[in-house]
PDB file of N, CA and C in Angstrom:
ATOM      1  N   MET A   1      16.610  46.963 -18.467  1.00  0.00           N
ATOM      2  CA  MET A   1      15.607  47.119 -19.096  1.00  0.00           C
ATOM      3  C   MET A   1      15.563  48.000 -20.803  1.00  0.00           C
ATOM      4  N   SER A   2      14.971  47.479 -21.374  1.00  0.00           N
ATOM      5  CA  SER A   2      14.632  48.292 -22.867  1.00  0.00           C
ATOM      6  C   SER A   2      13.882  49.598 -22.654  1.00  0.00           C
ATOM      7  N   TYR A   3      13.817  50.665 -23.451  1.00  0.00           N
ATOM      8  CA  TYR A   3      13.126  51.729 -23.507  1.00  0.00           C
ATOM      9  C   TYR A   3      11.691  51.346 -24.045  1.00  0.00           C
ATOM     10  N   LEU A   4      11.727  50.138 -24.839  1.00  0.00           N
ATOM     11  CA  LEU A   4      10.715  49.450 -25.483  1.00  0.00           C
ATOM     12  C   LEU A   4       9.702  49.418 -23.597  1.00  0.00           C
ATOM     13  N   GLU A   5      10.439  48.241 -22.949  1.00  0.00           N
ATOM     14  CA  GLU A   5       9.397  48.150 -22.062  1.00  0.00           C
ATOM     15  C   GLU A   5       9.306  48.775 -21.465  1.00  0.00           C
ATOM     16  N   VAL A   6       9.821  50.348 -20.722  1.00  0.00           N
ATOM     17  CA  VAL A   6       9.933  51.585 -20.318  1.00  0.00           C
ATOM     18  C   VAL A   6       8.141  51.646 -21.160  1.00  0.00           C
ATOM     19  N   ASN A   7       8.189  51.989 -21.846  1.00  0.00           N
ATOM     20  CA  ASN A   7       6.857  52.299 -23.100  1.00  0.00           C
ATOM     21  C   ASN A   7       5.949  51.374 -22.899  1.00  0.00           C
ATOM     22  N   LEU A   8       6.245  50.554 -22.878  1.00  0.00           N
ATOM     23  CA  LEU A   8       4.633  49.344 -22.305  1.00  0.00           C
ATOM     24  C   LEU A   8       4.346  49.595 -21.137  1.00  0.00           C
ATOM     25  N   PHE A   9       5.335  49.669 -20.422  1.00  0.00           N
ATOM     26  CA  PHE A   9       4.916  49.727 -18.799  1.00  0.00           C
ATOM     27  C   PHE A   9       3.689  51.184 -18.658  1.00  0.00           C
ATOM     28  N   PHE A  10       3.903  52.132 -19.455  1.00  0.00           N
ATOM     29  CA  PHE A  10       2.724  53.216 -19.459  1.00  0.00           C
ATOM     30  C   PHE A  10       2.158  52.961 -20.376  1.00  0.00           C
ATOM     31  N   LEU A  11       2.206  52.239 -21.614  1.00  0.00           N
ATOM     32  CA  LEU A  11       1.139  52.641 -22.920  1.00  0.00           C
ATOM     33  C   LEU A  11       0.135  51.441 -22.713  1.00  0.00           C
ATOM     34  N   VAL A  12       0.482  50.627 -21.693  1.00  0.00           N
ATOM     35  CA  VAL A  12      -0.847  49.635 -21.955  1.00  0.00           C
ATOM     36  C   VAL A  12      -1.374  50.227 -21.080  1.00  0.00           C
ATOM     37  N   PRO A  13      -1.693  50.509 -20.216  1.00  0.00           N
ATOM     38  CA  PRO A  13      -2.888  50.768 -19.097  1.00  0.00           C
ATOM     39  C   PRO A  13      -3.550  52.518 -20.114  1.00  0.00           C
ATOM     40  N   VAL A  14      -2.707  53.109 -20.895  1.00  0.00           N
ATOM     41  CA  VAL A  14      -3.173  54.053 -21.520  1.00  0.00           C
ATOM     42  C   VAL A  14      -4.406  53.450 -22.722  1.00  0.00           C
ATOM     43  N   ALA A  15      -3.829  52.335 -23.674  1.00  0.00           N
ATOM     44  CA  ALA A  15      -4.689  51.661 -24.670  1.00  0.00           C
ATOM     45  C   ALA A  15      -5.724  51.182 -23.811  1.00  0.00           C
ATOM     46  N   ALA A  16      -5.742  50.414 -22.380  1.00  0.00           N
ATOM     47  CA  ALA A  16      -7.002  50.676 -22.097  1.00  0.00           C
ATOM     48  C   ALA A  16      -7.912  51.155 -21.523  1.00  0.00           C
ATOM     49  N   ILE A  17      -7.373  52.622 -21.190  1.00  0.00           N
ATOM     50  CA  ILE A  17      -7.832  53.893 -20.990  1.00  0.00           C
ATOM     51  C   ILE A  17      -9.202  54.180 -22.356  1.00  0.00           C
ATOM     52  N   GLY A  18      -8.040  53.904 -23.340  1.00  0.00           N
ATOM     53  CA  GLY A  18      -8.201  54.376 -24.912  1.00  0.00           C
ATOM     54  C   GLY A  18      -9.762  53.673 -25.442  1.00  0.00           C
ATOM     55  N   VAL A  19      -9.389  52.551 -24.796  1.00  0.00           N
ATOM     56  CA  VAL A  19     -10.726  51.377 -25.585  1.00  0.00           C
ATOM     57  C   VAL A  19     -12.045  51.497 -24.916  1.00  0.00           C
ATOM     58  N   LEU A  20     -11.944  52.001 -23.540  1.00  0.00           N
ATOM     59  CA  LEU A  20     -12.739  52.332 -22.819  1.00  0.00           C
ATOM     60  C   LEU A  20     -13.952  53.565 -23.183  1.00  0.00           C
ATOM     61  N   TRP A  21     -12.629  54.597 -23.308  1.00  0.00           N
ATOM     62  CA  TRP A  21     -13.173  55.804 -24.057  1.00  0.00           C
ATOM     63  C   TRP A  21     -13.746  55.858 -25.842  1.00  0.00           C
ATOM     64  N   ARG A  22     -13.343  55.091 -26.323  1.00  0.00           N
ATOM     65  CA  ARG A  22     -13.831  54.512 -27.399  1.00  0.00           C
ATOM     66  C   ARG A  22     -15.087  53.829 -27.452  1.00  0.00           C
ATOM     67  N   TYR A  23     -14.967  52.726 -26.606  1.00  0.00           N
ATOM     68  CA  TYR A  23     -16.478  52.194 -26.252  1.00  0.00           C
ATOM     69  C   TYR A  23     -17.871  53.203 -25.839  1.00  0.00           C
ATOM     70  N   LEU A  24     -17.423  54.248 -24.864  1.00  0.00           N
ATOM     71  CA  LEU A  24     -18.094  54.730 -24.396  1.00  0.00           C
ATOM     72  C   LEU A  24     -18.946  56.279 -25.062  1.00  0.00           C
ATOM     73  N   LEU A  25     -17.638  56.453 -26.507  1.00  0.00           N
ATOM     74  CA  LEU A  25     -18.090  57.112 -27.352  1.00  0.00           C
ATOM     75  C   LEU A  25     -19.359  56.329 -28.544  1.00  0.00           C
ATOM     76  N   LYS A  26     -18.538  55.609 -28.612  1.00  0.00           N
ATOM     77  CA  LYS A  26     -19.882  54.734 -29.372  1.00  0.00           C
ATOM     78  C   LYS A  26     -21.545  54.647 -28.971  1.00  0.00           C
ATOM     79  N   GLN A  27     -21.089  54.756 -27.634  1.00  0.00           N
ATOM     80  CA  GLN A  27     -22.407  54.231 -26.502  1.00  0.00           C
ATOM     81  C   GLN A  27     -22.825  55.738 -26.673  1.00  0.00           C
ATOM     82  N   GLU A  28     -22.786  56.799 -26.691  1.00  0.00           N
ATOM     83  CA  GLU A  28     -22.666  57.856 -26.952  1.00  0.00           C
ATOM     84  C   GLU A  28     -23.499  58.320 -28.240  1.00  0.00           C
ATOM     85  N   ALA A  29     -22.176  58.054 -29.005  1.00  0.00           N
ATOM     86  CA  ALA A  29     -23.084  58.552 -30.456  1.00  0.00           C
ATOM     87  C   ALA A  29     -24.748  57.725 -31.209  1.00  0.00           C
ATOM     88  N   ASN A  30     -24.466  56.194 -30.625  1.00  0.00           N
ATOM     89  CA  ASN A  30     -25.616  55.117 -30.796  1.00  0.00           C
ATOM     90  C   ASN A  30     -26.988  55.769 -30.472  1.00  0.00           C
ATOM     91  N   ALA A  31     -27.016  56.419 -28.783  1.00  0.00           N
ATOM     92  CA  ALA A  31     -28.083  57.065 -28.060  1.00  0.00           C
ATOM     93  C   ALA A  31     -28.911  58.096 -28.805  1.00  0.00           C
ATOM     94  N   VAL A  32     -28.572  58.908 -29.326  1.00  0.00           N
ATOM     95  CA  VAL A  32     -28.880  60.042 -30.080  1.00  0.00           C
ATOM     96  C   VAL A  32     -29.711  59.870 -31.341  1.00  0.00           C
ATOM     97  N   PRO A  33     -30.418  60.995 -31.293  1.00  0.00           N
ATOM     98  CA  PRO A  33     -30.927  60.767 -32.672  1.00  0.00           C
ATOM     99  C   PRO A  33     -30.146  61.318 -33.765  1.00  0.00           C
ATOM    100  N   TYR A  34     -29.598  60.756 -35.233  1.00  0.00           N
ATOM    101  CA  TYR A  34     -28.841  61.106 -36.059  1.00  0.00           C
ATOM    102  C   TYR A  34     -28.758  62.418 -36.386  1.00  0.00           C
ATOM    103  N   GLY A  35     -27.783  63.726 -36.647  1.00  0.00           N
ATOM    104  CA  GLY A  35     -28.035  64.759 -36.450  1.00  0.00           C
ATOM    105  C   GLY A  35     -27.623  65.803 -35.045  1.00  0.00           C
ATOM    106  N   THR A  36     -27.554  64.955 -33.944  1.00  0.00           N
ATOM    107  CA  THR A  36     -27.940  65.908 -32.829  1.00  0.00           C
ATOM    108  C   THR A  36     -26.500  65.553 -31.821  1.00  0.00           C
ATOM    109  N   SER A  37     -25.908  64.736 -32.410  1.00  0.00           N
ATOM    110  CA  SER A  37     -24.366  64.236 -32.426  1.00  0.00           C
ATOM    111  C   SER A  37     -23.534  64.993 -32.666  1.00  0.00           C
ATOM    112  N   ARG A  38     -22.372  65.177 -32.205  1.00  0.00           N
ATOM    113  CA  ARG A  38     -20.875  65.873 -32.461  1.00  0.00           C
ATOM    114  C   ARG A  38     -20.360  64.977 -33.597  1.00  0.00           C
ATOM    115  N   PHE A  39     -20.544  63.620 -33.407  1.00  0.00           N
ATOM    116  CA  PHE A  39     -20.134  62.741 -34.008  1.00  0.00           C
ATOM    117  C   PHE A  39     -21.054  61.710 -35.614  1.00  0.00           C
ATOM    118  N   ASP A  40     -22.115  63.106 -35.666  1.00  0.00           N
ATOM    119  CA  ASP A  40     -22.472  62.883 -36.757  1.00  0.00           C
ATOM    120  C   ASP A  40     -22.186  63.668 -38.311  1.00  0.00           C
ATOM    121  N   PHE A  41     -21.182  64.417 -37.963  1.00  0.00           N
ATOM    122  CA  PHE A  41     -20.438  65.313 -38.663  1.00  0.00           C
ATOM    123  C   PHE A  41     -19.031  64.933 -39.293  1.00  0.00           C
ATOM    124  N   PRO A  42     -18.968  65.137 -40.848  1.00  0.00           N
ATOM    125  CA  PRO A  42     -17.871  64.064 -41.084  1.00  0.00           C
ATOM    126  C   PRO A  42     -16.642  65.254 -41.126  1.00  0.00           C
ATOM    127  N   GLU A  43     -16.896  66.707 -40.629  1.00  0.00           N
ATOM    128  CA  GLU A  43     -15.677  67.794 -40.457  1.00  0.00           C
ATOM    129  C   GLU A  43     -15.260  67.165 -39.536  1.00  0.00           C
ATOM    130  N   TYR A  44     -15.520  66.744 -38.288  1.00  0.00           N
ATOM    131  CA  TYR A  44     -15.337  66.218 -36.981  1.00  0.00           C
ATOM    132  C   TYR A  44     -14.216  65.635 -37.261  1.00  0.00           C
ATOM    133  N   PHE A  45     -14.091  64.263 -38.171  1.00  0.00           N
ATOM    134  CA  PHE A  45     -13.320  63.316 -38.129  1.00  0.00           C
ATOM    135  C   PHE A  45     -12.334  63.991 -38.753  1.00  0.00           C
ATOM    136  N   SER A  46     -12.349  64.850 -39.894  1.00  0.00           N
ATOM    137  CA  SER A  46     -11.135  65.108 -40.396  1.00  0.00           C
ATOM    138  C   SER A  46     -10.082  66.792 -39.571  1.00  0.00           C
ATOM    139  N   TRP A  47     -11.258  67.231 -38.694  1.00  0.00           N
ATOM    140  CA  TRP A  47     -10.247  68.426 -38.562  1.00  0.00           C
ATOM    141  C   TRP A  47      -9.500  67.555 -37.264  1.00  0.00           C
ATOM    142  N   ARG A  48      -9.950  66.245 -36.556  1.00  0.00           N
ATOM    143  CA  ARG A  48      -9.195  65.858 -35.328  1.00  0.00           C
ATOM    144  C   ARG A  48      -7.832  65.436 -35.967  1.00  0.00           C
ATOM    145  N   ARG A  49      -7.769  65.558 -37.370  1.00  0.00           N
ATOM    146  CA  ARG A  49      -6.230  64.691 -37.029  1.00  0.00           C
ATOM    147  C   ARG A  49      -4.951  65.840 -37.175  1.00  0.00           C
ATOM    148  N   ALA A  50      -5.397  67.160 -37.426  1.00  0.00           N
ATOM    149  CA  ALA A  50      -4.128  68.308 -37.457  1.00  0.00           C
ATOM    150  C   ALA A  50      -3.706  68.576 -36.074  1.00  0.00           C
ATOM    151  N   PRO A  51      -4.431  68.360 -35.052  1.00  0.00           N
ATOM    152  CA  PRO A  51      -3.683  68.286 -33.639  1.00  0.00           C
ATOM    153  C   PRO A  51      -2.668  67.147 -33.480  1.00  0.00           C
ATOM    154  N   ILE A  52      -2.972  65.982 -34.204  1.00  0.00           N
ATOM    155  CA  ILE A  52      -2.355  64.694 -34.173  1.00  0.00           C
ATOM    156  C   ILE A  52      -0.880  64.848 -34.800  1.00  0.00           C
ATOM    157  N   ALA A  53      -1.125  65.703 -35.978  1.00  0.00           N
ATOM    158  CA  ALA A  53      -0.020  65.926 -37.253  1.00  0.00           C
ATOM    159  C   ALA A  53       1.102  66.515 -36.221  1.00  0.00           C
ATOM    160  N   ALA A  54       0.440  67.947 -35.979  1.00  0.00           N
ATOM    161  CA  ALA A  54       1.482  68.887 -35.115  1.00  0.00           C
ATOM    162  C   ALA A  54       1.849  68.629 -33.936  1.00  0.00           C
ATOM    163  N   LEU A  55       1.133  67.553 -33.415  1.00  0.00           N
ATOM    164  CA  LEU A  55       1.934  67.193 -32.040  1.00  0.00           C
ATOM    165  C   LEU A  55       3.252  66.014 -32.370  1.00  0.00           C
ATOM    166  N   LEU A  56       2.915  65.201 -33.163  1.00  0.00           N
ATOM    167  CA  LEU A  56       4.082  64.348 -34.118  1.00  0.00           C
ATOM    168  C   LEU A  56       5.057  65.228 -34.806  1.00  0.00           C
ATOM    169  N   LEU A  57       4.975  65.694 -35.570  1.00  0.00           N
ATOM    170  CA  LEU A  57       5.752  67.006 -36.317  1.00  0.00           C
ATOM    171  C   LEU A  57       6.637  67.508 -35.341  1.00  0.00           C
ATOM    172  N   ALA A  58       5.790  68.263 -34.178  1.00  0.00           N
ATOM    173  CA  ALA A  58       6.450  69.140 -32.917  1.00  0.00           C
ATOM    174  C   ALA A  58       7.555  68.137 -32.154  1.00  0.00           C
ATOM    175  N   THR A  59       6.970  66.837 -31.751  1.00  0.00           N
ATOM    176  CA  THR A  59       7.742  66.013 -31.187  1.00  0.00           C
ATOM    177  C   THR A  59       9.187  65.357 -32.095  1.00  0.00           C
ATOM    178  N   ALA A  60       9.431  65.026 -33.548  1.00  0.00           N
ATOM    179  CA  ALA A  60      10.308  65.087 -33.981  1.00  0.00           C
ATOM    180  C   ALA A  60      11.109  65.980 -34.341  1.00  0.00           C
ATOM    181  N   ILE A  61      10.792  67.595 -34.595  1.00  0.00           N
ATOM    182  CA  ILE A  61      11.513  68.763 -34.230  1.00  0.00           C
ATOM    183  C   ILE A  61      12.634  68.879 -33.043  1.00  0.00           C
ATOM    184  N   PHE A  62      11.602  68.542 -31.968  1.00  0.00           N
ATOM    185  CA  PHE A  62      12.428  68.999 -30.993  1.00  0.00           C
ATOM    186  C   PHE A  62      13.301  67.485 -30.117  1.00  0.00           C
ATOM    187  N   ASP A  63      12.628  66.600 -30.607  1.00  0.00           N
ATOM    188  CA  ASP A  63      13.556  65.458 -30.286  1.00  0.00           C
ATOM    189  C   ASP A  63      14.779  65.628 -30.844  1.00  0.00           C
ATOM    190  N   ASN A  64      14.915  65.559 -32.403  1.00  0.00           N
ATOM    191  CA  ASN A  64      16.127  65.657 -32.879  1.00  0.00           C
ATOM    192  C   ASN A  64      16.795  67.344 -32.417  1.00  0.00           C
ATOM    193  N   ILE A  65      16.455  68.199 -32.014  1.00  0.00           N
ATOM    194  CA  ILE A  65      17.304  69.127 -31.352  1.00  0.00           C
ATOM    195  C   ILE A  65      17.634  68.609 -30.425  1.00  0.00           C
ATOM    196  N   MET A  66      16.982  67.953 -29.281  1.00  0.00           N
ATOM    197  CA  MET A  66      17.572  68.139 -27.900  1.00  0.00           C
ATOM    198  C   MET A  66      18.211  67.221 -28.394  1.00  0.00           C
ATOM    199  N   ILE A  67      18.731  66.298 -28.842  1.00  0.00           N
ATOM    200  CA  ILE A  67      19.522  64.889 -29.374  1.00  0.00           C
ATOM    201  C   ILE A  67      20.648  65.532 -29.746  1.00  0.00           C
ATOM    202  N   GLU A  68      20.588  66.252 -30.672  1.00  0.00           N
ATOM    203  CA  GLU A  68      21.711  66.736 -31.165  1.00  0.00           C
ATOM    204  C   GLU A  68      22.789  67.673 -30.360  1.00  0.00           C
ATOM    205  N   VAL A  69      22.012  69.101 -29.457  1.00  0.00           N
ATOM    206  CA  VAL A  69      22.876  69.393 -28.770  1.00  0.00           C
ATOM    207  C   VAL A  69      23.525  68.955 -27.415  1.00  0.00           C
ATOM    208  N   GLY A  70      22.729  67.573 -27.289  1.00  0.00           N
ATOM    209  CA  GLY A  70      23.419  66.631 -26.143  1.00  0.00           C
ATOM    210  C   GLY A  70      22.802  67.217 -24.889  1.00  0.00           C
ATOM    211  N   LEU A  71      21.153  67.259 -25.079  1.00  0.00           N
ATOM    212  CA  LEU A  71      20.993  67.495 -23.810  1.00  0.00           C
ATOM    213  C   LEU A  71      20.077  66.040 -23.506  1.00  0.00           C
ATOM    214  N   VAL A  72      19.869  65.066 -24.567  1.00  0.00           N
ATOM    215  CA  VAL A  72      19.429  63.369 -24.013  1.00  0.00           C
ATOM    216  C   VAL A  72      20.182  62.819 -24.694  1.00  0.00           C
ATOM    217  N   GLY A  73      20.547  61.688 -23.981  1.00  0.00           N
ATOM    218  CA  GLY A  73      21.218  60.618 -24.745  1.00  0.00           C
ATOM    219  C   GLY A  73      20.534  59.093 -24.717  1.00  0.00           C
ATOM    220  N   TYR A  74      20.902  58.227 -25.404  1.00  0.00           N
ATOM    221  CA  TYR A  74      19.830  56.955 -25.340  1.00  0.00           C
ATOM    222  C   TYR A  74      21.399  56.013 -25.553  1.00  0.00           C
ATOM    223  N   ALA A  75      21.154  54.872 -24.482  1.00  0.00           N
ATOM    224  CA  ALA A  75      21.872  54.000 -24.808  1.00  0.00           C
ATOM    225  C   ALA A  75      21.746  53.199 -25.997  1.00  0.00           C
ATOM    226  N   GLU A  76      22.161  52.870 -27.009  1.00  0.00           N
ATOM    227  CA  GLU A  76      22.001  52.555 -28.116  1.00  0.00           C
ATOM    228  C   GLU A  76      21.548  51.157 -28.415  1.00  0.00           C
ATOM    229  N   GLU A  77      22.350  50.209 -26.896  1.00  0.00           N
ATOM    230  CA  GLU A  77      21.581  48.772 -27.046  1.00  0.00           C
ATOM    231  C   GLU A  77      20.619  48.554 -27.022  1.00  0.00           C
ATOM    232  N   LYS A  78      19.673  49.653 -26.104  1.00  0.00           N
ATOM    233  CA  LYS A  78      18.651  49.196 -25.594  1.00  0.00           C
ATOM    234  C   LYS A  78      17.605  49.952 -26.288  1.00  0.00           C
ATOM    235  N   LEU A  79      17.991  50.217 -27.531  1.00  0.00           N
ATOM    236  CA  LEU A  79      16.972  51.008 -28.472  1.00  0.00           C
ATOM    237  C   LEU A  79      16.716  49.985 -29.620  1.00  0.00           C
ATOM    238  N   LEU A  80      15.255  50.268 -30.339  1.00  0.00           N
ATOM    239  CA  LEU A  80      14.857  49.164 -31.342  1.00  0.00           C
ATOM    240  C   LEU A  80      15.928  49.303 -32.469  1.00  0.00           C
ATOM    241  N   GLY A  81      16.126  50.570 -32.737  1.00  0.00           N
ATOM    242  CA  GLY A  81      17.128  50.866 -34.001  1.00  0.00           C
ATOM    243  C   GLY A  81      16.338  51.715 -35.151  1.00  0.00           C
ATOM    244  N   PHE A  82      15.422  51.965 -34.658  1.00  0.00           N
ATOM    245  CA  PHE A  82      14.060  52.259 -35.603  1.00  0.00           C
ATOM    246  C   PHE A  82      14.395  54.308 -35.565  1.00  0.00           C
ATOM    247  N   LYS A  83      14.670  54.902 -36.274  1.00  0.00           N
ATOM    248  CA  LYS A  83      15.160  56.193 -36.261  1.00  0.00           C
ATOM    249  C   LYS A  83      14.103  57.031 -37.176  1.00  0.00           C
ATOM    250  N   VAL A  84      13.777  58.642 -36.456  1.00  0.00           N
ATOM    251  CA  VAL A  84      13.295  59.727 -37.315  1.00  0.00           C
ATOM    252  C   VAL A  84      14.212  60.755 -36.979  1.00  0.00           C
ATOM    253  N   GLY A  85      14.933  60.913 -37.941  1.00  0.00           N
ATOM    254  CA  GLY A  85      16.224  61.399 -37.738  1.00  0.00           C
ATOM    255  C   GLY A  85      17.471  61.402 -36.939  1.00  0.00           C
ATOM    256  N   VAL A  86      17.430  61.525 -35.498  1.00  0.00           N
ATOM    257  CA  VAL A  86      18.324  61.292 -34.671  1.00  0.00           C
ATOM    258  C   VAL A  86      17.748  60.687 -33.573  1.00  0.00           C
ATOM    259  N   ALA A  87      16.384  60.811 -33.538  1.00  0.00           N
ATOM    260  CA  ALA A  87      15.311  60.708 -32.062  1.00  0.00           C
ATOM    261  C   ALA A  87      14.700  58.843 -32.533  1.00  0.00           C
ATOM    262  N   PRO A  88      14.879  58.314 -31.475  1.00  0.00           N
ATOM    263  CA  PRO A  88      14.684  57.261 -31.656  1.00  0.00           C
ATOM    264  C   PRO A  88      12.479  57.111 -31.675  1.00  0.00           C
ATOM    265  N   ILE A  89      12.486  56.053 -32.235  1.00  0.00           N
ATOM    266  CA  ILE A  89      11.428  55.665 -32.307  1.00  0.00           C
ATOM    267  C   ILE A  89      10.244  55.549 -30.916  1.00  0.00           C
ATOM    268  N   GLU A  90      11.304  55.188 -30.224  1.00  0.00           N
ATOM    269  CA  GLU A  90      10.762  55.004 -29.017  1.00  0.00           C
ATOM    270  C   GLU A  90      10.167  55.949 -28.030  1.00  0.00           C
ATOM    271  N   ASP A  91      10.726  57.345 -28.370  1.00  0.00           N
ATOM    272  CA  ASP A  91      10.612  58.501 -27.792  1.00  0.00           C
ATOM    273  C   ASP A  91       8.963  59.029 -28.588  1.00  0.00           C
ATOM    274  N   PHE A  92       8.322  58.603 -29.516  1.00  0.00           N
ATOM    275  CA  PHE A  92       7.176  59.058 -29.566  1.00  0.00           C
ATOM    276  C   PHE A  92       6.439  58.550 -29.043  1.00  0.00           C
ATOM    277  N   ALA A  93       6.412  57.713 -28.344  1.00  0.00           N
ATOM    278  CA  ALA A  93       5.524  57.087 -27.340  1.00  0.00           C
ATOM    279  C   ALA A  93       4.453  58.097 -26.468  1.00  0.00           C
ATOM    280  N   TYR A  94       5.346  59.045 -25.654  1.00  0.00           N
ATOM    281  CA  TYR A  94       4.875  59.696 -25.299  1.00  0.00           C
ATOM    282  C   TYR A  94       3.949  60.440 -25.393  1.00  0.00           C
ATOM    283  N   SER A  95       4.516  61.133 -26.867  1.00  0.00           N
ATOM    284  CA  SER A  95       3.115  61.608 -27.763  1.00  0.00           C
ATOM    285  C   SER A  95       2.082  61.340 -28.108  1.00  0.00           C
ATOM    286  N   VAL A  96       2.056  59.628 -28.296  1.00  0.00           N
ATOM    287  CA  VAL A  96       1.321  59.483 -28.732  1.00  0.00           C
ATOM    288  C   VAL A  96       0.182  58.837 -27.405  1.00  0.00           C
ATOM    289  N   ALA A  97       0.826  58.512 -26.218  1.00  0.00           N
ATOM    290  CA  ALA A  97       0.306  58.346 -25.031  1.00  0.00           C
ATOM    291  C   ALA A  97      -0.386  59.838 -24.758  1.00  0.00           C
ATOM    292  N   ALA A  98      -0.266  61.098 -25.153  1.00  0.00           N
ATOM    293  CA  ALA A  98      -0.717  61.856 -24.887  1.00  0.00           C
ATOM    294  C   ALA A  98      -2.132  62.339 -25.724  1.00  0.00           C
ATOM    295  N   LEU A  99      -2.026  61.587 -27.137  1.00  0.00           N
ATOM    296  CA  LEU A  99      -2.942  62.167 -27.656  1.00  0.00           C
ATOM    297  C   LEU A  99      -4.292  61.057 -27.278  1.00  0.00           C
ATOM    298  N   VAL A 100      -3.981  60.096 -26.676  1.00  0.00           N
ATOM    299  CA  VAL A 100      -4.765  58.846 -26.073  1.00  0.00           C
ATOM    300  C   VAL A 100      -6.005  59.866 -24.731  1.00  0.00           C
ATOM    301  N   LEU A 101      -4.170  59.776 -24.070  1.00  0.00           N
ATOM    302  CA  LEU A 101      -5.162  59.837 -22.475  1.00  0.00           C
ATOM    303  C   LEU A 101      -5.517  61.241 -22.595  1.00  0.00           C
ATOM    304  N   LEU A 102      -4.829  62.061 -23.032  1.00  0.00           N
ATOM    305  CA  LEU A 102      -5.655  63.733 -22.639  1.00  0.00           C
ATOM    306  C   LEU A 102      -7.124  63.860 -23.165  1.00  0.00           C
ATOM    307  N   PRO A 103      -7.431  63.354 -24.103  1.00  0.00           N
ATOM    308  CA  PRO A 103      -9.037  63.503 -24.823  1.00  0.00           C
ATOM    309  C   PRO A 103     -10.070  62.921 -23.752  1.00  0.00           C
ATOM    310  N   ALA A 104      -9.263  61.383 -23.653  1.00  0.00           N
ATOM    311  CA  ALA A 104     -10.286  60.307 -23.049  1.00  0.00           C
ATOM    312  C   ALA A 104     -10.473  60.616 -21.581  1.00  0.00           C
ATOM    313  N   LEU A 105      -9.437  61.005 -20.907  1.00  0.00           N
ATOM    314  CA  LEU A 105      -9.354  62.117 -19.490  1.00  0.00           C
ATOM    315  C   LEU A 105     -10.275  63.147 -19.331  1.00  0.00           C
ATOM    316  N   TRP A 106     -10.500  64.255 -20.702  1.00  0.00           N
ATOM    317  CA  TRP A 106     -10.958  64.968 -20.355  1.00  0.00           C
ATOM    318  C   TRP A 106     -12.694  64.495 -20.798  1.00  0.00           C
ATOM    319  N   TYR A 107     -13.202  63.437 -21.635  1.00  0.00           N
ATOM    320  CA  TYR A 107     -14.474  62.686 -21.797  1.00  0.00           C
ATOM    321  C   TYR A 107     -15.157  61.972 -20.271  1.00  0.00           C
ATOM    322  N   LEU A 108     -14.008  61.263 -20.010  1.00  0.00           N
ATOM    323  CA  LEU A 108     -14.081  60.491 -18.970  1.00  0.00           C
ATOM    324  C   LEU A 108     -14.394  61.201 -17.449  1.00  0.00           C
ATOM    325  N   LEU A 109     -13.951  62.237 -17.325  1.00  0.00           N
ATOM    326  CA  LEU A 109     -14.075  63.029 -16.209  1.00  0.00           C
ATOM    327  C   LEU A 109     -14.708  64.400 -16.339  1.00  0.00           C
ATOM    328  N   ARG A 110     -16.087  64.592 -17.384  1.00  0.00           N
ATOM    329  CA  ARG A 110     -16.467  65.655 -17.401  1.00  0.00           C
ATOM    330  C   ARG A 110     -17.706  65.673 -16.798  1.00  0.00           C
ATOM    331  N   ARG A 111     -18.320  66.866 -16.887  1.00  0.00           N
ATOM    332  CA  ARG A 111     -19.727  66.832 -15.820  1.00  0.00           C
ATOM    333  C   ARG A 111     -20.714  66.280 -16.596  1.00  0.00           C
ATOM    334  N   ARG A 112     -21.629  65.860 -15.933  1.00  0.00           N
ATOM    335  CA  ARG A 112     -22.833  65.065 -16.710  1.00  0.00           C
ATOM    336  C   ARG A 112     -23.739  65.915 -15.427  1.00  0.00           C
ATOM    337  N   SER A 113     -25.005  65.969 -16.732  1.00  0.00           N
ATOM    338  CA  SER A 113     -26.594  65.337 -15.571  1.00  0.00           C
ATOM    339  C   SER A 113     -26.915  64.610 -14.929  1.00  0.00           C
ATOM    340  N   ARG A 114     -27.774  65.074 -14.338  1.00  0.00           N
ATOM    341  CA  ARG A 114     -28.638  63.958 -13.976  1.00  0.00           C
ATOM    342  C   ARG A 114     -29.046  63.116 -14.493  1.00  0.00           C
ATOM    343  N   SER A 115     -29.399  63.125 -16.307  1.00  0.00           N
ATOM    344  CA  SER A 115     -29.867  62.377 -17.074  1.00  0.00           C
ATOM    345  C   SER A 115     -28.892  61.244 -17.709  1.00  0.00           C
ATOM    346  N   GLY A 116     -27.151  61.845 -17.451  1.00  0.00           N
ATOM    347  CA  GLY A 116     -26.148  61.461 -17.876  1.00  0.00           C
ATOM    348  C   GLY A 116     -25.208  61.678 -18.963  1.00  0.00           C
ATOM    349  N   LEU A 117     -25.983  62.639 -19.517  1.00  0.00           N
ATOM    350  CA  LEU A 117     -25.582  63.398 -20.501  1.00  0.00           C
ATOM    351  C   LEU A 117     -24.836  64.602 -20.245  1.00  0.00           C
ATOM    352  N   GLU A 118     -23.831  65.126 -21.322  1.00  0.00           N
ATOM    353  CA  GLU A 118     -23.361  66.340 -20.961  1.00  0.00           C
ATOM    354  C   GLU A 118     -23.801  67.279 -20.581  1.00  0.00           C
ATOM    355  N   SER A 119     -22.721  68.053 -19.527  1.00  0.00           N
ATOM    356  CA  SER A 119     -23.512  69.608 -19.162  1.00  0.00           C
ATOM    357  C   SER A 119     -22.661  70.669 -19.434  1.00  0.00           C
ATOM    358  N   TYR A 120     -22.950  71.419 -20.358  1.00  0.00           N
ATOM    359  CA  TYR A 120     -22.400  72.592 -20.885  1.00  0.00           C
ATOM    360  C   TYR A 120     -22.163  73.559 -19.962  1.00  0.00           C
ATOM    361  N   GLY A 121     -23.471  73.671 -18.790  1.00  0.00           N
ATOM    362  CA  GLY A 121     -23.486  75.173 -17.917  1.00  0.00           C
ATOM    363  C   GLY A 121     -22.937  75.005 -16.846  1.00  0.00           C
TER     364      GLY A 121
END
């Protein structure tokens, strides 16, 4: 089994949860008047990219360090061949899964009031 197949085993369910999350976010954004949803403000969309860049950069740095010092090794015949430094591209699947799964679960499992809206109290 290649590393890509192992990644797909985990990423397919994560993608399904991500699609559900996106659908529910759109439903919520369309259900409230303009200006009352956190999705109405452009800065919401620009600032959410910073953690994505930080996590992918940290993954690139620390994966390269761990591979260089011999902490982790990969069978070259089971890799796709694309690398960032010495880190195989398959290593970034776990970061991508975390970027989708953690906020999606946070949203899907949050407390709701009887009205179905988010509860902050």
